[in-house]
Amino acid sequence: MNRTPLIVVLAAATALLLGGCAAPLSSDPGDPVGTWGDAEAQNTPFLVVDAGGTISGSDGCNRLSGTWSQEGDTVTFDQTASTLMACDGVDLWLSAARSATVDGDTLTVSNDTNEKIGTLTRTR
């Protein structure tokens, strides 16, 4: 009895199962919904992109809020507002966010002139 086909099928099934264990946090690599950055860390930027079309977060000093929409691979932030506190030693780059792209678990943020100003890693 030739067991080669059975071994090949079992090996392929094992590879598929193990490959699923390494999946990113989001099933859709272009899906912006989630928490980007560490919301628990002090003086660090984070952004929460809600499935309902709203954003909230902090640039590390000021609270941010607004709405978002997505067309293709570009996420656009609209109606953004932030508090205006002065904080020493904090880079406030996230407050200039106007758009972003998602590549796996990395959110690359751009300003109003489409210049890349920073990245955040998906944490949830």
N, C-alpha and C. Protein backbone atom coordinates (compact mmCIF):
# COMPACT_ATOMS: atom_id res chain seq x y z
N MET A 1 0.84 -1.18 0.00
CA MET A 1 0.00 0.00 0.00
C MET A 1 0.88 1.24 0.00
N ASN A 2 0.62 2.18 -0.92
CA ASN A 2 1.41 3.41 -1.06
C ASN A 2 0.81 4.49 -0.16
N ARG A 3 1.56 4.94 0.83
CA ARG A 3 1.06 5.94 1.78
C ARG A 3 1.51 7.36 1.45
N THR A 4 2.23 7.54 0.36
CA THR A 4 2.74 8.85 -0.02
C THR A 4 1.64 9.89 -0.16
N PRO A 5 0.51 9.61 -0.86
CA PRO A 5 -0.54 10.64 -0.96
C PRO A 5 -1.09 11.04 0.41
N LEU A 6 -1.25 10.08 1.31
CA LEU A 6 -1.76 10.38 2.66
C LEU A 6 -0.78 11.27 3.41
N ILE A 7 0.49 11.01 3.30
CA ILE A 7 1.50 11.80 4.00
C ILE A 7 1.52 13.23 3.44
N VAL A 8 1.39 13.37 2.13
CA VAL A 8 1.37 14.70 1.51
C VAL A 8 0.16 15.49 1.99
N VAL A 9 -1.00 14.85 2.05
CA VAL A 9 -2.22 15.52 2.51
C VAL A 9 -2.08 15.93 3.97
N LEU A 10 -1.58 15.06 4.81
CA LEU A 10 -1.39 15.38 6.22
C LEU A 10 -0.38 16.52 6.41
N ALA A 11 0.69 16.52 5.64
CA ALA A 11 1.68 17.59 5.73
C ALA A 11 1.08 18.92 5.31
N ALA A 12 0.29 18.91 4.25
CA ALA A 12 -0.35 20.15 3.78
C ALA A 12 -1.35 20.66 4.81
N ALA A 13 -2.14 19.77 5.39
CA ALA A 13 -3.12 20.17 6.41
C ALA A 13 -2.42 20.75 7.63
N THR A 14 -1.32 20.15 8.04
CA THR A 14 -0.56 20.65 9.19
C THR A 14 0.00 22.04 8.90
N ALA A 15 0.52 22.25 7.70
CA ALA A 15 1.06 23.56 7.33
C ALA A 15 -0.03 24.62 7.35
N LEU A 16 -1.20 24.29 6.86
CA LEU A 16 -2.31 25.26 6.87
C LEU A 16 -2.74 25.60 8.29
N LEU A 17 -2.83 24.60 9.15
CA LEU A 17 -3.22 24.85 10.54
C LEU A 17 -2.19 25.70 11.27
N LEU A 18 -0.91 25.38 11.10
CA LEU A 18 0.13 26.15 11.77
C LEU A 18 0.24 27.55 11.20
N GLY A 19 0.01 27.72 9.92
CA GLY A 19 0.04 29.04 9.30
C GLY A 19 -1.05 29.93 9.86
N GLY A 20 -2.19 29.39 10.22
CA GLY A 20 -3.28 30.16 10.80
C GLY A 20 -2.93 30.71 12.16
N CYS A 21 -2.02 30.08 12.87
CA CYS A 21 -1.62 30.56 14.20
C CYS A 21 -0.83 31.85 14.11
N ALA A 22 -0.23 32.14 12.97
CA ALA A 22 0.60 33.32 12.82
C ALA A 22 -0.16 34.47 12.18
N ALA A 23 -1.48 34.40 12.13
CA ALA A 23 -2.29 35.43 11.48
C ALA A 23 -2.17 36.75 12.23
N PRO A 24 -2.25 37.89 11.53
CA PRO A 24 -2.22 39.17 12.20
C PRO A 24 -3.45 39.37 13.06
N LEU A 25 -3.44 40.43 13.90
CA LEU A 25 -4.55 40.70 14.80
C LEU A 25 -5.84 40.96 14.04
N SER A 26 -5.78 41.49 12.85
CA SER A 26 -6.95 41.76 12.03
C SER A 26 -7.00 40.77 10.88
N SER A 27 -8.21 40.29 10.54
CA SER A 27 -8.32 39.36 9.43
C SER A 27 -8.16 40.06 8.09
N ASP A 28 -8.41 41.36 8.03
CA ASP A 28 -8.24 42.14 6.81
C ASP A 28 -7.06 43.07 7.01
N PRO A 29 -5.96 42.87 6.27
CA PRO A 29 -4.77 43.69 6.50
C PRO A 29 -5.00 45.18 6.27
N GLY A 30 -6.04 45.58 5.52
CA GLY A 30 -6.31 46.98 5.29
C GLY A 30 -7.36 47.56 6.23
N ASP A 31 -7.81 46.77 7.20
CA ASP A 31 -8.85 47.20 8.13
C ASP A 31 -8.26 48.12 9.20
N PRO A 32 -8.70 49.38 9.28
CA PRO A 32 -8.14 50.30 10.27
C PRO A 32 -8.75 50.17 11.67
N VAL A 33 -9.84 49.44 11.81
CA VAL A 33 -10.52 49.36 13.10
C VAL A 33 -9.62 48.67 14.12
N GLY A 34 -9.47 49.31 15.28
CA GLY A 34 -8.67 48.75 16.35
C GLY A 34 -7.96 49.85 17.14
N THR A 35 -7.09 49.42 18.02
CA THR A 35 -6.28 50.34 18.82
C THR A 35 -4.87 50.34 18.26
N TRP A 36 -4.37 51.52 17.99
CA TRP A 36 -3.04 51.71 17.41
C TRP A 36 -2.18 52.46 18.42
N GLY A 37 -1.07 51.88 18.82
CA GLY A 37 -0.23 52.47 19.86
C GLY A 37 -0.66 51.96 21.22
N ASP A 38 0.08 52.34 22.23
CA ASP A 38 -0.17 51.86 23.59
C ASP A 38 -0.97 52.88 24.38
N ALA A 39 -2.26 52.60 24.55
CA ALA A 39 -3.16 53.52 25.26
C ALA A 39 -2.84 53.61 26.74
N GLU A 40 -2.09 52.66 27.28
CA GLU A 40 -1.77 52.64 28.70
C GLU A 40 -0.48 53.41 29.03
N ALA A 41 0.38 53.59 28.05
CA ALA A 41 1.67 54.25 28.29
C ALA A 41 1.49 55.76 28.39
N GLN A 42 2.25 56.37 29.26
CA GLN A 42 2.17 57.81 29.46
C GLN A 42 3.02 58.54 28.41
N ASN A 43 2.52 59.68 27.93
CA ASN A 43 3.24 60.54 26.97
C ASN A 43 3.54 59.87 25.64
N THR A 44 2.75 58.88 25.24
CA THR A 44 2.92 58.24 23.95
C THR A 44 1.63 58.32 23.16
N PRO A 45 1.73 58.50 21.85
CA PRO A 45 0.52 58.62 21.04
C PRO A 45 -0.20 57.28 20.88
N PHE A 46 -1.51 57.36 20.78
CA PHE A 46 -2.32 56.19 20.45
C PHE A 46 -3.60 56.68 19.78
N LEU A 47 -4.20 55.78 19.03
CA LEU A 47 -5.42 56.11 18.31
C LEU A 47 -6.35 54.91 18.35
N VAL A 48 -7.61 55.15 18.70
CA VAL A 48 -8.62 54.11 18.68
C VAL A 48 -9.54 54.42 17.51
N VAL A 49 -9.58 53.50 16.54
CA VAL A 49 -10.43 53.65 15.36
C VAL A 49 -11.61 52.72 15.55
N ASP A 50 -12.78 53.31 15.73
CA ASP A 50 -14.00 52.56 16.05
C ASP A 50 -14.74 52.16 14.77
N ALA A 51 -15.36 50.99 14.79
CA ALA A 51 -16.11 50.51 13.63
C ALA A 51 -17.28 51.43 13.28
N GLY A 52 -17.74 52.23 14.22
CA GLY A 52 -18.84 53.15 13.97
C GLY A 52 -18.45 54.43 13.27
N GLY A 53 -17.16 54.59 12.91
CA GLY A 53 -16.72 55.75 12.16
C GLY A 53 -16.13 56.88 12.99
N THR A 54 -15.83 56.61 14.26
CA THR A 54 -15.23 57.65 15.10
C THR A 54 -13.80 57.25 15.49
N ILE A 55 -13.01 58.27 15.82
CA ILE A 55 -11.67 58.05 16.34
C ILE A 55 -11.55 58.78 17.67
N SER A 56 -10.67 58.26 18.52
CA SER A 56 -10.33 58.93 19.77
C SER A 56 -8.90 58.53 20.10
N GLY A 57 -8.27 59.29 20.95
CA GLY A 57 -6.91 58.95 21.32
C GLY A 57 -6.18 60.12 21.93
N SER A 58 -4.86 60.09 21.80
CA SER A 58 -4.01 61.12 22.37
C SER A 58 -2.73 61.22 21.55
N ASP A 59 -2.22 62.44 21.45
CA ASP A 59 -0.92 62.63 20.78
C ASP A 59 0.23 62.48 21.78
N GLY A 60 -0.10 62.04 22.98
CA GLY A 60 0.87 61.90 24.05
C GLY A 60 0.70 62.98 25.09
N CYS A 61 -0.11 63.97 24.77
CA CYS A 61 -0.38 65.10 25.66
C CYS A 61 -1.85 65.49 25.58
N ASN A 62 -2.31 65.76 24.37
CA ASN A 62 -3.67 66.23 24.14
C ASN A 62 -4.60 65.10 23.70
N ARG A 63 -5.85 65.17 24.16
CA ARG A 63 -6.86 64.21 23.73
C ARG A 63 -7.31 64.56 22.32
N LEU A 64 -7.52 63.52 21.49
CA LEU A 64 -7.95 63.70 20.11
C LEU A 64 -9.30 63.02 19.90
N SER A 65 -10.11 63.58 19.01
CA SER A 65 -11.36 62.93 18.62
C SER A 65 -11.72 63.37 17.21
N GLY A 66 -12.57 62.61 16.56
CA GLY A 66 -13.01 62.94 15.21
C GLY A 66 -13.72 61.78 14.56
N THR A 67 -13.78 61.83 13.24
CA THR A 67 -14.41 60.76 12.46
C THR A 67 -13.42 60.27 11.42
N TRP A 68 -13.74 59.13 10.83
CA TRP A 68 -12.87 58.58 9.79
C TRP A 68 -13.72 57.93 8.71
N SER A 69 -13.13 57.84 7.52
CA SER A 69 -13.73 57.12 6.41
C SER A 69 -12.61 56.46 5.64
N GLN A 70 -12.97 55.48 4.82
CA GLN A 70 -11.93 54.78 4.06
C GLN A 70 -12.36 54.64 2.61
N GLU A 71 -11.42 54.95 1.72
CA GLU A 71 -11.62 54.75 0.29
C GLU A 71 -10.38 54.04 -0.22
N GLY A 72 -10.55 52.82 -0.69
CA GLY A 72 -9.41 52.03 -1.11
C GLY A 72 -8.52 51.73 0.08
N ASP A 73 -7.23 52.02 -0.06
CA ASP A 73 -6.31 51.76 1.05
C ASP A 73 -6.01 53.01 1.88
N THR A 74 -6.75 54.11 1.63
CA THR A 74 -6.52 55.35 2.36
C THR A 74 -7.62 55.61 3.37
N VAL A 75 -7.21 55.84 4.60
CA VAL A 75 -8.12 56.22 5.69
C VAL A 75 -8.00 57.73 5.84
N THR A 76 -9.14 58.42 5.83
CA THR A 76 -9.14 59.87 5.97
C THR A 76 -9.76 60.24 7.31
N PHE A 77 -9.09 61.12 8.04
CA PHE A 77 -9.59 61.61 9.32
C PHE A 77 -10.27 62.95 9.10
N ASP A 78 -11.52 63.07 9.58
CA ASP A 78 -12.31 64.28 9.41
C ASP A 78 -12.78 64.80 10.76
N GLN A 79 -13.15 66.05 10.77
CA GLN A 79 -13.73 66.68 11.95
C GLN A 79 -12.91 66.40 13.20
N THR A 80 -11.58 66.44 13.04
CA THR A 80 -10.71 66.16 14.18
C THR A 80 -10.60 67.38 15.08
N ALA A 81 -10.55 67.11 16.35
CA ALA A 81 -10.41 68.16 17.36
C ALA A 81 -9.47 67.64 18.44
N SER A 82 -8.80 68.54 19.10
CA SER A 82 -7.93 68.14 20.20
C SER A 82 -7.91 69.23 21.26
N THR A 83 -7.55 68.81 22.45
CA THR A 83 -7.32 69.78 23.50
C THR A 83 -6.03 70.52 23.17
N LEU A 84 -5.75 71.60 23.86
CA LEU A 84 -4.57 72.41 23.54
C LEU A 84 -3.67 72.61 24.76
N MET A 85 -3.36 71.52 25.43
CA MET A 85 -2.47 71.61 26.59
C MET A 85 -1.02 71.70 26.13
N ALA A 86 -0.20 72.35 26.92
CA ALA A 86 1.23 72.44 26.63
C ALA A 86 1.94 71.36 27.42
N CYS A 87 2.73 70.56 26.73
CA CYS A 87 3.46 69.47 27.39
C CYS A 87 4.92 69.52 26.96
N ASP A 88 5.80 69.54 27.93
CA ASP A 88 7.24 69.55 27.64
C ASP A 88 7.71 68.15 27.26
N GLY A 89 8.56 68.08 26.25
CA GLY A 89 9.20 66.82 25.89
C GLY A 89 8.31 65.81 25.18
N VAL A 90 7.16 66.22 24.67
CA VAL A 90 6.26 65.29 23.98
C VAL A 90 6.16 65.71 22.51
N ASP A 91 6.41 64.78 21.61
CA ASP A 91 6.28 65.04 20.17
C ASP A 91 4.80 64.92 19.80
N LEU A 92 4.21 66.01 19.37
CA LEU A 92 2.77 66.09 19.14
C LEU A 92 2.39 65.76 17.69
N TRP A 93 3.14 64.94 17.00
CA TRP A 93 2.93 64.67 15.58
C TRP A 93 1.54 64.13 15.26
N LEU A 94 0.96 63.32 16.14
CA LEU A 94 -0.32 62.69 15.83
C LEU A 94 -1.46 63.71 15.71
N SER A 95 -1.32 64.85 16.35
CA SER A 95 -2.37 65.87 16.25
C SER A 95 -2.48 66.45 14.84
N ALA A 96 -1.47 66.22 13.99
CA ALA A 96 -1.50 66.70 12.60
C ALA A 96 -2.03 65.64 11.63
N ALA A 97 -2.52 64.51 12.14
CA ALA A 97 -2.99 63.41 11.29
C ALA A 97 -4.19 63.82 10.45
N ARG A 98 -4.10 63.56 9.14
CA ARG A 98 -5.22 63.82 8.24
C ARG A 98 -5.59 62.58 7.44
N SER A 99 -4.63 61.63 7.29
CA SER A 99 -4.91 60.39 6.58
C SER A 99 -3.93 59.33 7.06
N ALA A 100 -4.20 58.09 6.63
CA ALA A 100 -3.33 56.98 7.02
C ALA A 100 -3.52 55.82 6.06
N THR A 101 -2.56 54.93 6.06
CA THR A 101 -2.68 53.66 5.35
C THR A 101 -2.35 52.54 6.32
N VAL A 102 -2.94 51.38 6.07
CA VAL A 102 -2.72 50.22 6.92
C VAL A 102 -1.94 49.19 6.14
N ASP A 103 -0.86 48.69 6.74
CA ASP A 103 -0.09 47.59 6.16
C ASP A 103 0.08 46.56 7.27
N GLY A 104 -0.79 45.57 7.29
CA GLY A 104 -0.76 44.58 8.36
C GLY A 104 -1.09 45.23 9.68
N ASP A 105 -0.16 45.22 10.60
CA ASP A 105 -0.37 45.81 11.92
C ASP A 105 0.36 47.14 12.08
N THR A 106 0.61 47.84 10.96
CA THR A 106 1.26 49.15 11.00
C THR A 106 0.35 50.18 10.35
N LEU A 107 0.08 51.25 11.08
CA LEU A 107 -0.70 52.39 10.58
C LEU A 107 0.30 53.50 10.29
N THR A 108 0.43 53.88 9.02
CA THR A 108 1.32 54.97 8.63
C THR A 108 0.48 56.22 8.47
N VAL A 109 0.80 57.24 9.25
CA VAL A 109 0.00 58.45 9.35
C VAL A 109 0.64 59.57 8.53
N SER A 110 -0.22 60.33 7.81
CA SER A 110 0.24 61.46 7.01
C SER A 110 -0.49 62.73 7.42
N ASN A 111 0.14 63.87 7.12
CA ASN A 111 -0.47 65.17 7.44
C ASN A 111 -1.29 65.68 6.25
N ASP A 112 -1.70 66.95 6.29
CA ASP A 112 -2.56 67.51 5.24
C ASP A 112 -1.86 67.70 3.90
N THR A 113 -0.52 67.62 3.86
CA THR A 113 0.20 67.68 2.58
C THR A 113 0.64 66.29 2.13
N ASN A 114 0.07 65.25 2.76
CA ASN A 114 0.34 63.85 2.46
C ASN A 114 1.77 63.43 2.78
N GLU A 115 2.42 64.17 3.68
CA GLU A 115 3.76 63.82 4.16
C GLU A 115 3.62 62.82 5.31
N LYS A 116 4.38 61.73 5.25
CA LYS A 116 4.33 60.73 6.32
C LYS A 116 4.94 61.33 7.58
N ILE A 117 4.17 61.30 8.66
CA ILE A 117 4.63 61.94 9.89
C ILE A 117 4.87 60.96 11.04
N GLY A 118 4.43 59.70 10.88
CA GLY A 118 4.67 58.73 11.93
C GLY A 118 3.94 57.43 11.69
N THR A 119 4.24 56.45 12.53
CA THR A 119 3.58 55.14 12.47
C THR A 119 3.14 54.72 13.86
N LEU A 120 2.08 53.92 13.87
CA LEU A 120 1.59 53.31 15.10
C LEU A 120 1.41 51.82 14.84
N THR A 121 1.63 51.00 15.85
CA THR A 121 1.45 49.56 15.74
C THR A 121 0.13 49.16 16.37
N ARG A 122 -0.59 48.25 15.68
CA ARG A 122 -1.87 47.77 16.21
C ARG A 122 -1.62 46.99 17.49
N THR A 123 -2.35 47.33 18.54
CA THR A 123 -2.24 46.60 19.80
C THR A 123 -3.51 45.83 20.12
N ARG A 124 -4.62 46.17 19.49
CA ARG A 124 -5.90 45.45 19.65
C ARG A 124 -6.71 45.56 18.41
